[in-house]
């Protein structure tokens, strides 16, 4: 799991050309916010969802993990808490891995690490990172964010 700002995203270009393309897309989105929806960046290798939604209290959320894609979750407006835990610490599966959704879901555990993510920051979650996005930071609020799916 990584937390950083878009201004520092150049540090991650060396990881993969897919990261470089992803951050180029985020810089464009920051300049002119498109409406919510799915956006192709590089076919099924990289695509993005622009999302507008209300955060929820953590007890109403569950952990998720992915196998085929890395998540880059970038906050355009608002703030939220994203909770991180090692995938190996997930003990109770609430939804078995669904290939078509590239997701599995897990029950809450008491020792996840809450990460406060503000506008202009992103979090990267790898397949070994269980995470809970969209948790309220204090009171629930409307947020605008981009989730980029980067094929492993």
Protein backbone atom coordinates (compact mmCIF):
# COMPACT_ATOMS: atom_id res chain seq x y z
CA UNK A 1 0.00 0.00 0.00
CA UNK A 2 1.26 3.46 -0.89
CA UNK A 3 -0.08 6.90 0.06
CA UNK A 4 1.24 9.95 -1.79
CA UNK A 5 0.27 13.08 -3.73
CA UNK A 6 -0.19 13.50 -7.45
CA UNK A 7 2.75 15.95 -7.42
CA UNK A 8 4.98 13.05 -6.38
CA UNK A 9 3.52 10.46 -8.77
CA UNK A 10 6.59 10.55 -11.03
CA UNK A 11 8.32 8.43 -8.37
CA UNK A 12 6.17 5.45 -9.40
CA UNK A 13 6.71 5.58 -13.19
CA UNK A 14 9.64 3.19 -12.82
CA UNK A 15 7.29 0.51 -11.44
CA UNK A 16 5.56 0.11 -14.79
CA UNK A 17 4.67 2.05 -17.93
CA UNK A 18 1.07 1.39 -16.86
CA UNK A 19 1.62 3.54 -13.78
CA UNK A 20 3.00 6.34 -15.94
CA UNK A 21 -0.12 6.21 -18.16
CA UNK A 22 -2.38 6.09 -15.10
CA UNK A 23 -0.86 9.20 -13.54
CA UNK A 24 -0.95 11.03 -16.89
CA UNK A 25 -4.72 10.35 -16.93
CA UNK A 26 -5.07 11.64 -13.35
CA UNK A 27 -3.29 14.88 -14.24
CA UNK A 28 -5.79 15.39 -17.10
CA UNK A 29 -8.73 14.59 -14.82
CA UNK A 30 -7.51 17.13 -12.28
CA UNK A 31 -7.42 19.83 -14.96
CA UNK A 32 -10.91 19.07 -16.34
CA UNK A 33 -13.06 16.77 -14.27
CA UNK A 34 -15.13 14.43 -16.47
CA UNK A 35 -18.54 13.23 -15.31
CA UNK A 36 -18.80 10.00 -13.29
CA UNK A 37 -18.38 6.86 -15.36
CA UNK A 38 -15.84 4.45 -16.83
CA UNK A 39 -12.94 5.71 -18.95
CA UNK A 40 -10.62 3.59 -21.06
CA UNK A 41 -6.93 4.45 -20.72
CA UNK A 42 -5.26 1.42 -22.30
CA UNK A 43 -7.96 -1.15 -23.04
CA UNK A 44 -8.40 -3.75 -20.31
CA UNK A 45 -4.86 -3.13 -19.04
CA UNK A 46 -5.75 0.27 -17.56
CA UNK A 47 -9.14 1.86 -17.07
CA UNK A 48 -10.67 4.31 -14.64
CA UNK A 49 -13.91 4.97 -12.82
CA UNK A 50 -14.77 8.54 -11.90
CA UNK A 51 -17.01 8.17 -8.86
CA UNK A 52 -19.15 10.57 -6.87
CA UNK A 53 -20.67 9.14 -3.71
CA UNK A 54 -21.25 9.66 -0.02
CA UNK A 55 -18.82 8.09 2.44
CA UNK A 56 -20.22 5.67 5.04
CA UNK A 57 -19.34 4.79 8.62
CA UNK A 58 -16.66 2.08 8.75
CA UNK A 59 -18.91 -0.55 10.40
CA UNK A 60 -21.12 -0.43 7.29
CA UNK A 61 -18.19 -1.28 5.00
CA UNK A 62 -16.22 -4.49 4.30
CA UNK A 63 -12.71 -5.29 3.14
CA UNK A 64 -12.10 -6.09 -0.50
CA UNK A 65 -9.17 -7.46 -2.46
CA UNK A 66 -8.35 -7.99 -6.13
CA UNK A 67 -6.17 -10.46 -8.02
CA UNK A 68 -5.88 -9.14 -11.58
CA UNK A 69 -5.71 -5.41 -10.90
CA UNK A 70 -3.93 -2.89 -8.69
CA UNK A 71 -6.14 -0.04 -7.46
CA UNK A 72 -4.97 3.56 -7.61
CA UNK A 73 -7.59 5.53 -5.67
CA UNK A 74 -7.25 9.30 -6.13
CA UNK A 75 -9.31 11.89 -4.25
CA UNK A 76 -10.41 14.80 -6.42
CA UNK A 77 -12.74 16.43 -3.89
CA UNK A 78 -13.53 15.68 -0.27
CA UNK A 79 -11.80 13.26 2.05
CA UNK A 80 -12.26 9.73 3.25
CA UNK A 81 -10.64 7.06 5.31
CA UNK A 82 -9.35 3.98 3.51
CA UNK A 83 -8.49 1.08 5.79
CA UNK A 84 -5.58 -1.22 4.94
CA UNK A 85 -4.71 -4.70 6.20
CA UNK A 86 -2.54 -7.49 4.84
CA UNK A 87 -4.61 -9.94 2.82
CA UNK A 88 -3.19 -12.76 4.95
CA UNK A 89 -5.01 -11.31 8.00
CA UNK A 90 -8.46 -11.74 6.43
CA UNK A 91 -10.10 -14.66 8.23
CA UNK A 92 -13.79 -14.41 7.33
CA UNK A 93 -14.70 -14.37 3.65
CA UNK A 94 -18.11 -12.76 3.05
CA UNK A 95 -17.95 -13.12 -0.74
CA UNK A 96 -15.70 -15.67 -2.39
CA UNK A 97 -13.47 -14.37 -5.16
CA UNK A 98 -15.58 -13.50 -8.20
CA UNK A 99 -13.50 -13.63 -11.38
CA UNK A 100 -15.89 -11.38 -13.30
CA UNK A 101 -15.67 -8.65 -10.62
CA UNK A 102 -12.01 -9.32 -9.75
CA UNK A 103 -13.01 -9.06 -6.11
CA UNK A 104 -13.41 -10.94 -2.89
CA UNK A 105 -14.97 -9.46 0.25
CA UNK A 106 -14.08 -10.00 3.91
CA UNK A 107 -15.50 -9.18 7.33
CA UNK A 108 -14.09 -6.35 9.41
CA UNK A 109 -11.10 -7.07 11.63
CA UNK A 110 -10.07 -4.93 14.61
CA UNK A 111 -6.48 -4.28 13.58
CA UNK A 112 -6.73 -2.64 10.16
CA UNK A 113 -4.77 0.58 9.64
CA UNK A 114 -6.94 3.61 8.84
CA UNK A 115 -5.40 5.92 6.24
CA UNK A 116 -6.72 9.47 5.90
CA UNK A 117 -6.85 10.46 2.23
CA UNK A 118 -7.44 14.09 1.26
CA UNK A 119 -8.08 15.79 -2.09
CA UNK A 120 -4.89 15.63 -4.17
CA UNK A 121 -3.72 12.37 -2.59
CA UNK A 122 -3.85 8.81 -3.86
CA UNK A 123 -3.56 5.37 -2.32
CA UNK A 124 -2.27 2.35 -4.22
CA UNK A 125 -3.53 -1.09 -3.20
CA UNK A 126 -1.81 -4.21 -4.55
CA UNK A 127 -3.39 -7.69 -4.71
CA UNK A 128 -1.92 -8.56 -1.29
CA UNK A 129 -3.55 -5.47 0.24
CA UNK A 130 -7.04 -5.90 1.64
CA UNK A 131 -8.70 -2.49 1.84
CA UNK A 132 -11.90 -0.69 2.73
CA UNK A 133 -12.50 2.42 0.63
CA UNK A 134 -15.07 5.18 1.13
CA UNK A 135 -15.19 5.27 4.94
CA UNK A 136 -16.41 8.48 6.55
CA UNK A 137 -13.77 10.69 8.13
CA UNK A 138 -15.95 12.05 10.90
CA UNK A 139 -19.37 12.72 9.39
CA UNK A 140 -20.30 11.14 6.02
CA UNK A 141 -19.70 13.52 3.09
CA UNK A 142 -19.86 13.66 -0.70
CA UNK A 143 -16.58 12.83 -2.38
CA UNK A 144 -15.37 12.82 -5.94
CA UNK A 145 -12.64 10.31 -6.69
CA UNK A 146 -11.04 8.32 -9.46
CA UNK A 147 -10.27 4.62 -9.11
CA UNK A 148 -7.83 3.39 -11.73
CA UNK A 149 -7.56 -0.33 -12.34
CA UNK A 150 -4.03 -1.32 -13.43
CA UNK A 151 -3.56 -4.89 -14.65
CA UNK A 152 -0.84 -6.70 -12.71
